[in-house]
Amino acid sequence: MGRSESMITALRRPSAFPTALNGGEAAGRGHIQRKRRDFVYFYPIYTGTPIPMDDWRNRMWLDTWV
């Protein structure tokens, strides 16, 4: 390997933003999005915010939760 080849390699920079996500990253982001959506859906129950009775029943999936 000559001097010119090592200079070219040293000057190259990896891309700051990857062009595609690998499978693990995509699955991880999907999991986080799901958790956020679930939190937003149950937020009125967590905080005790008044909501219509039908909405409350939709969030009570199990009879033992009531």
PDB file of N, CA and C in Angstrom:
ATOM      1  N   MET A   1       0.854  -1.170   0.000  1.00  0.00           N
ATOM      2  CA  MET A   1       0.000   0.000   0.000  1.00  0.00           C
ATOM      3  C   MET A   1       0.899   1.232   0.000  1.00  0.00           C
ATOM      4  N   GLY A   2       0.721   2.047  -0.983  1.00  0.00           N
ATOM      5  CA  GLY A   2       1.559   3.228  -1.114  1.00  0.00           C
ATOM      6  C   GLY A   2       1.033   4.396  -0.301  1.00  0.00           C
ATOM      7  N   ARG A   3       1.789   5.448  -0.305  1.00  0.00           N
ATOM      8  CA  ARG A   3       1.446   6.627   0.472  1.00  0.00           C
ATOM      9  C   ARG A   3       0.132   7.267  -0.023  1.00  0.00           C
ATOM     10  N   SER A   4      -0.094   7.293  -1.314  1.00  0.00           N
ATOM     11  CA  SER A   4      -1.300   7.931  -1.849  1.00  0.00           C
ATOM     12  C   SER A   4      -2.559   7.164  -1.430  1.00  0.00           C
ATOM     13  N   GLU A   5      -2.489   5.840  -1.350  1.00  0.00           N
ATOM     14  CA  GLU A   5      -3.652   5.057  -0.930  1.00  0.00           C
ATOM     15  C   GLU A   5      -3.995   5.319   0.526  1.00  0.00           C
ATOM     16  N   SER A   6      -3.013   5.444   1.377  1.00  0.00           N
ATOM     17  CA  SER A   6      -3.289   5.691   2.791  1.00  0.00           C
ATOM     18  C   SER A   6      -3.845   7.091   2.995  1.00  0.00           C
ATOM     19  N   MET A   7      -3.434   8.056   2.181  1.00  0.00           N
ATOM     20  CA  MET A   7      -3.946   9.413   2.293  1.00  0.00           C
ATOM     21  C   MET A   7      -5.428   9.460   1.918  1.00  0.00           C
ATOM     22  N   ILE A   8      -5.799   8.738   0.878  1.00  0.00           N
ATOM     23  CA  ILE A   8      -7.190   8.722   0.452  1.00  0.00           C
ATOM     24  C   ILE A   8      -8.059   8.073   1.527  1.00  0.00           C
ATOM     25  N   THR A   9      -7.598   6.988   2.101  1.00  0.00           N
ATOM     26  CA  THR A   9      -8.360   6.313   3.145  1.00  0.00           C
ATOM     27  C   THR A   9      -8.525   7.206   4.360  1.00  0.00           C
ATOM     28  N   ALA A  10      -7.499   7.943   4.737  1.00  0.00           N
ATOM     29  CA  ALA A  10      -7.556   8.806   5.911  1.00  0.00           C
ATOM     30  C   ALA A  10      -8.493   9.985   5.695  1.00  0.00           C
ATOM     31  N   LEU A  11      -8.663  10.424   4.475  1.00  0.00           N
ATOM     32  CA  LEU A  11      -9.507  11.579   4.204  1.00  0.00           C
ATOM     33  C   LEU A  11     -10.987  11.231   4.068  1.00  0.00           C
ATOM     34  N   ARG A  12     -11.308   9.976   3.879  1.00  0.00           N
ATOM     35  CA  ARG A  12     -12.708   9.579   3.748  1.00  0.00           C
ATOM     36  C   ARG A  12     -13.391   9.630   5.106  1.00  0.00           C
ATOM     37  N   ARG A  13     -14.597  10.102   5.143  1.00  0.00           N
ATOM     38  CA  ARG A  13     -15.378  10.151   6.378  1.00  0.00           C
ATOM     39  C   ARG A  13     -16.626   9.294   6.221  1.00  0.00           C
ATOM     40  N   PRO A  14     -16.992   8.577   7.270  1.00  0.00           N
ATOM     41  CA  PRO A  14     -18.248   7.829   7.173  1.00  0.00           C
ATOM     42  C   PRO A  14     -19.429   8.794   7.162  1.00  0.00           C
ATOM     43  N   SER A  15     -20.488   8.388   6.555  1.00  0.00           N
ATOM     44  CA  SER A  15     -21.687   9.214   6.484  1.00  0.00           C
ATOM     45  C   SER A  15     -22.251   9.433   7.881  1.00  0.00           C
ATOM     46  N   ALA A  16     -22.673  10.640   8.174  1.00  0.00           N
ATOM     47  CA  ALA A  16     -23.239  10.953   9.483  1.00  0.00           C
ATOM     48  C   ALA A  16     -24.621  10.317   9.646  1.00  0.00           C
ATOM     49  N   PHE A  17     -25.340  10.169   8.555  1.00  0.00           N
ATOM     50  CA  PHE A  17     -26.682   9.604   8.618  1.00  0.00           C
ATOM     51  C   PHE A  17     -26.740   8.341   7.763  1.00  0.00           C
ATOM     52  N   PRO A  18     -27.032   7.206   8.372  1.00  0.00           N
ATOM     53  CA  PRO A  18     -27.108   5.985   7.567  1.00  0.00           C
ATOM     54  C   PRO A  18     -28.281   6.064   6.589  1.00  0.00           C
ATOM     55  N   THR A  19     -28.099   5.468   5.440  1.00  0.00           N
ATOM     56  CA  THR A  19     -29.139   5.545   4.418  1.00  0.00           C
ATOM     57  C   THR A  19     -30.261   4.540   4.669  1.00  0.00           C
ATOM     58  N   ALA A  20     -29.986   3.469   5.371  1.00  0.00           N
ATOM     59  CA  ALA A  20     -31.007   2.459   5.640  1.00  0.00           C
ATOM     60  C   ALA A  20     -30.795   1.889   7.032  1.00  0.00           C
ATOM     61  N   LEU A  21     -31.874   1.539   7.672  1.00  0.00           N
ATOM     62  CA  LEU A  21     -31.794   0.932   8.991  1.00  0.00           C
ATOM     63  C   LEU A  21     -31.668  -0.570   8.846  1.00  0.00           C
ATOM     64  N   ASN A  22     -30.886  -1.165   9.726  1.00  0.00           N
ATOM     65  CA  ASN A  22     -30.859  -2.622   9.712  1.00  0.00           C
ATOM     66  C   ASN A  22     -32.106  -3.133  10.440  1.00  0.00           C
ATOM     67  N   GLY A  23     -32.345  -4.410  10.410  1.00  0.00           N
ATOM     68  CA  GLY A  23     -33.571  -4.974  10.971  1.00  0.00           C
ATOM     69  C   GLY A  23     -33.758  -4.684  12.449  1.00  0.00           C
ATOM     70  N   GLY A  24     -32.690  -4.738  13.228  1.00  0.00           N
ATOM     71  CA  GLY A  24     -32.791  -4.491  14.662  1.00  0.00           C
ATOM     72  C   GLY A  24     -33.167  -3.062  14.991  1.00  0.00           C
ATOM     73  N   GLU A  25     -32.591  -2.113  14.269  1.00  0.00           N
ATOM     74  CA  GLU A  25     -32.919  -0.708  14.497  1.00  0.00           C
ATOM     75  C   GLU A  25     -34.365  -0.414  14.132  1.00  0.00           C
ATOM     76  N   ALA A  26     -34.820  -0.950  13.019  1.00  0.00           N
ATOM     77  CA  ALA A  26     -36.197  -0.725  12.589  1.00  0.00           C
ATOM     78  C   ALA A  26     -37.174  -1.346  13.588  1.00  0.00           C
ATOM     79  N   ALA A  27     -36.877  -2.533  14.065  1.00  0.00           N
ATOM     80  CA  ALA A  27     -37.747  -3.183  15.051  1.00  0.00           C
ATOM     81  C   ALA A  27     -37.750  -2.406  16.358  1.00  0.00           C
ATOM     82  N   GLY A  28     -36.606  -1.898  16.749  1.00  0.00           N
ATOM     83  CA  GLY A  28     -36.514  -1.108  17.983  1.00  0.00           C
ATOM     84  C   GLY A  28     -37.324   0.170  17.898  1.00  0.00           C
ATOM     85  N   ARG A  29     -37.240   0.836  16.754  1.00  0.00           N
ATOM     86  CA  ARG A  29     -38.023   2.065  16.586  1.00  0.00           C
ATOM     87  C   ARG A  29     -39.515   1.758  16.556  1.00  0.00           C
ATOM     88  N   GLY A  30     -39.890   0.664  15.923  1.00  0.00           N
ATOM     89  CA  GLY A  30     -41.300   0.272  15.908  1.00  0.00           C
ATOM     90  C   GLY A  30     -41.809  -0.033  17.309  1.00  0.00           C
ATOM     91  N   HIS A  31     -40.966  -0.668  18.113  1.00  0.00           N
ATOM     92  CA  HIS A  31     -41.342  -0.991  19.495  1.00  0.00           C
ATOM     93  C   HIS A  31     -41.543   0.289  20.311  1.00  0.00           C
ATOM     94  N   ILE A  32     -40.659   1.250  20.159  1.00  0.00           N
ATOM     95  CA  ILE A  32     -40.779   2.514  20.877  1.00  0.00           C
ATOM     96  C   ILE A  32     -42.042   3.257  20.438  1.00  0.00           C
ATOM     97  N   GLN A  33     -42.328   3.261  19.145  1.00  0.00           N
ATOM     98  CA  GLN A  33     -43.542   3.930  18.663  1.00  0.00           C
ATOM     99  C   GLN A  33     -44.784   3.275  19.242  1.00  0.00           C
ATOM    100  N   ARG A  34     -44.777   1.952  19.346  1.00  0.00           N
ATOM    101  CA  ARG A  34     -45.916   1.243  19.921  1.00  0.00           C
ATOM    102  C   ARG A  34     -46.110   1.621  21.381  1.00  0.00           C
ATOM    103  N   LYS A  35     -45.022   1.698  22.137  1.00  0.00           N
ATOM    104  CA  LYS A  35     -45.103   2.067  23.554  1.00  0.00           C
ATOM    105  C   LYS A  35     -45.627   3.493  23.718  1.00  0.00           C
ATOM    106  N   ARG A  36     -45.186   4.398  22.859  1.00  0.00           N
ATOM    107  CA  ARG A  36     -45.685   5.776  22.921  1.00  0.00           C
ATOM    108  C   ARG A  36     -47.180   5.830  22.639  1.00  0.00           C
ATOM    109  N   ARG A  37     -47.611   5.097  21.619  1.00  0.00           N
ATOM    110  CA  ARG A  37     -49.035   5.085  21.270  1.00  0.00           C
ATOM    111  C   ARG A  37     -49.872   4.506  22.414  1.00  0.00           C
ATOM    112  N   ASP A  38     -49.384   3.437  23.020  1.00  0.00           N
ATOM    113  CA  ASP A  38     -50.105   2.840  24.148  1.00  0.00           C
ATOM    114  C   ASP A  38     -50.190   3.805  25.323  1.00  0.00           C
ATOM    115  N   PHE A  39     -49.108   4.522  25.597  1.00  0.00           N
ATOM    116  CA  PHE A  39     -49.116   5.481  26.699  1.00  0.00           C
ATOM    117  C   PHE A  39     -50.136   6.584  26.443  1.00  0.00           C
ATOM    118  N   VAL A  40     -50.164   7.108  25.219  1.00  0.00           N
ATOM    119  CA  VAL A  40     -51.121   8.172  24.885  1.00  0.00           C
ATOM    120  C   VAL A  40     -52.547   7.661  25.021  1.00  0.00           C
ATOM    121  N   TYR A  41     -52.793   6.418  24.622  1.00  0.00           N
ATOM    122  CA  TYR A  41     -54.134   5.847  24.701  1.00  0.00           C
ATOM    123  C   TYR A  41     -54.602   5.742  26.158  1.00  0.00           C
ATOM    124  N   PHE A  42     -53.720   5.323  27.063  1.00  0.00           N
ATOM    125  CA  PHE A  42     -54.094   5.148  28.469  1.00  0.00           C
ATOM    126  C   PHE A  42     -53.830   6.365  29.339  1.00  0.00           C
ATOM    127  N   TYR A  43     -53.310   7.454  28.781  1.00  0.00           N
ATOM    128  CA  TYR A  43     -52.988   8.644  29.558  1.00  0.00           C
ATOM    129  C   TYR A  43     -54.173   9.150  30.394  1.00  0.00           C
ATOM    130  N   PRO A  44     -55.396   9.221  29.858  1.00  0.00           N
ATOM    131  CA  PRO A  44     -56.510   9.682  30.697  1.00  0.00           C
ATOM    132  C   PRO A  44     -56.737   8.787  31.922  1.00  0.00           C
ATOM    133  N   ILE A  45     -56.494   7.506  31.795  1.00  0.00           N
ATOM    134  CA  ILE A  45     -56.667   6.600  32.931  1.00  0.00           C
ATOM    135  C   ILE A  45     -55.561   6.830  33.961  1.00  0.00           C
ATOM    136  N   TYR A  46     -54.324   7.012  33.492  1.00  0.00           N
ATOM    137  CA  TYR A  46     -53.193   7.241  34.399  1.00  0.00           C
ATOM    138  C   TYR A  46     -53.365   8.523  35.202  1.00  0.00           C
ATOM    139  N   THR A  47     -53.931   9.555  34.584  1.00  0.00           N
ATOM    140  CA  THR A  47     -54.020  10.861  35.225  1.00  0.00           C
ATOM    141  C   THR A  47     -55.368  11.158  35.862  1.00  0.00           C
ATOM    142  N   GLY A  48     -56.343  10.291  35.649  1.00  0.00           N
ATOM    143  CA  GLY A  48     -57.665  10.531  36.226  1.00  0.00           C
ATOM    144  C   GLY A  48     -58.449  11.601  35.492  1.00  0.00           C
ATOM    145  N   THR A  49     -58.137  11.838  34.250  1.00  0.00           N
ATOM    146  CA  THR A  49     -58.851  12.827  33.439  1.00  0.00           C
ATOM    147  C   THR A  49     -60.241  12.300  33.108  1.00  0.00           C
ATOM    148  N   PRO A  50     -61.280  13.119  33.296  1.00  0.00           N
ATOM    149  CA  PRO A  50     -62.627  12.665  32.937  1.00  0.00           C
ATOM    150  C   PRO A  50     -62.740  12.393  31.438  1.00  0.00           C
ATOM    151  N   ILE A  51     -63.281  11.235  31.092  1.00  0.00           N
ATOM    152  CA  ILE A  51     -63.517  10.862  29.697  1.00  0.00           C
ATOM    153  C   ILE A  51     -64.908  10.253  29.608  1.00  0.00           C
ATOM    154  N   PRO A  52     -65.506  10.207  28.423  1.00  0.00           N
ATOM    155  CA  PRO A  52     -66.831   9.592  28.278  1.00  0.00           C
ATOM    156  C   PRO A  52     -66.812   8.112  28.699  1.00  0.00           C
ATOM    157  N   MET A  53     -67.932   7.635  29.184  1.00  0.00           N
ATOM    158  CA  MET A  53     -68.033   6.268  29.687  1.00  0.00           C
ATOM    159  C   MET A  53     -67.672   5.231  28.625  1.00  0.00           C
ATOM    160  N   ASP A  54     -68.069   5.454  27.381  1.00  0.00           N
ATOM    161  CA  ASP A  54     -67.721   4.499  26.313  1.00  0.00           C
ATOM    162  C   ASP A  54     -66.210   4.409  26.111  1.00  0.00           C
ATOM    163  N   ASP A  55     -65.529   5.552  26.166  1.00  0.00           N
ATOM    164  CA  ASP A  55     -64.067   5.536  26.035  1.00  0.00           C
ATOM    165  C   ASP A  55     -63.432   4.810  27.213  1.00  0.00           C
ATOM    166  N   TRP A  56     -63.960   5.012  28.380  1.00  0.00           N
ATOM    167  CA  TRP A  56     -63.432   4.347  29.578  1.00  0.00           C
ATOM    168  C   TRP A  56     -63.604   2.830  29.463  1.00  0.00           C
ATOM    169  N   ARG A  57     -64.780   2.403  28.997  1.00  0.00           N
ATOM    170  CA  ARG A  57     -65.018   0.957  28.826  1.00  0.00           C
ATOM    171  C   ARG A  57     -64.087   0.341  27.788  1.00  0.00           C
ATOM    172  N   ASN A  58     -63.778   1.096  26.727  1.00  0.00           N
ATOM    173  CA  ASN A  58     -62.840   0.598  25.718  1.00  0.00           C
ATOM    174  C   ASN A  58     -61.450   0.346  26.298  1.00  0.00           C
ATOM    175  N   ARG A  59     -61.082   1.114  27.304  1.00  0.00           N
ATOM    176  CA  ARG A  59     -59.759   0.966  27.906  1.00  0.00           C
ATOM    177  C   ARG A  59     -59.719  -0.105  28.995  1.00  0.00           C
ATOM    178  N   MET A  60     -60.855  -0.506  29.490  1.00  0.00           N
ATOM    179  CA  MET A  60     -60.915  -1.557  30.519  1.00  0.00           C
ATOM    180  C   MET A  60     -61.077  -2.907  29.824  1.00  0.00           C
ATOM    181  N   TRP A  61     -59.957  -3.508  29.422  1.00  0.00           N
ATOM    182  CA  TRP A  61     -59.978  -4.734  28.623  1.00  0.00           C
ATOM    183  C   TRP A  61     -60.375  -5.945  29.431  1.00  0.00           C
ATOM    184  N   LEU A  62     -60.017  -5.986  30.685  1.00  0.00           N
ATOM    185  CA  LEU A  62     -60.303  -7.154  31.517  1.00  0.00           C
ATOM    186  C   LEU A  62     -61.328  -6.809  32.582  1.00  0.00           C
ATOM    187  N   ASP A  63     -62.207  -7.750  32.893  1.00  0.00           N
ATOM    188  CA  ASP A  63     -63.224  -7.492  33.909  1.00  0.00           C
ATOM    189  C   ASP A  63     -62.599  -7.232  35.279  1.00  0.00           C
ATOM    190  N   THR A  64     -61.446  -7.783  35.543  1.00  0.00           N
ATOM    191  CA  THR A  64     -60.811  -7.591  36.854  1.00  0.00           C
ATOM    192  C   THR A  64     -60.226  -6.202  37.022  1.00  0.00           C
ATOM    193  N   TRP A  65     -60.121  -5.406  35.958  1.00  0.00           N
ATOM    194  CA  TRP A  65     -59.592  -4.063  36.064  1.00  0.00           C
ATOM    195  C   TRP A  65     -60.630  -3.089  36.600  1.00  0.00           C
ATOM    196  N   VAL A  66     -61.901  -3.430  36.521  1.00  0.00           N
ATOM    197  CA  VAL A  66     -62.964  -2.496  36.913  1.00  0.00           C
ATOM    198  C   VAL A  66     -63.142  -2.510  38.407  1.00  0.00           C
TER     199      VAL A  66
END
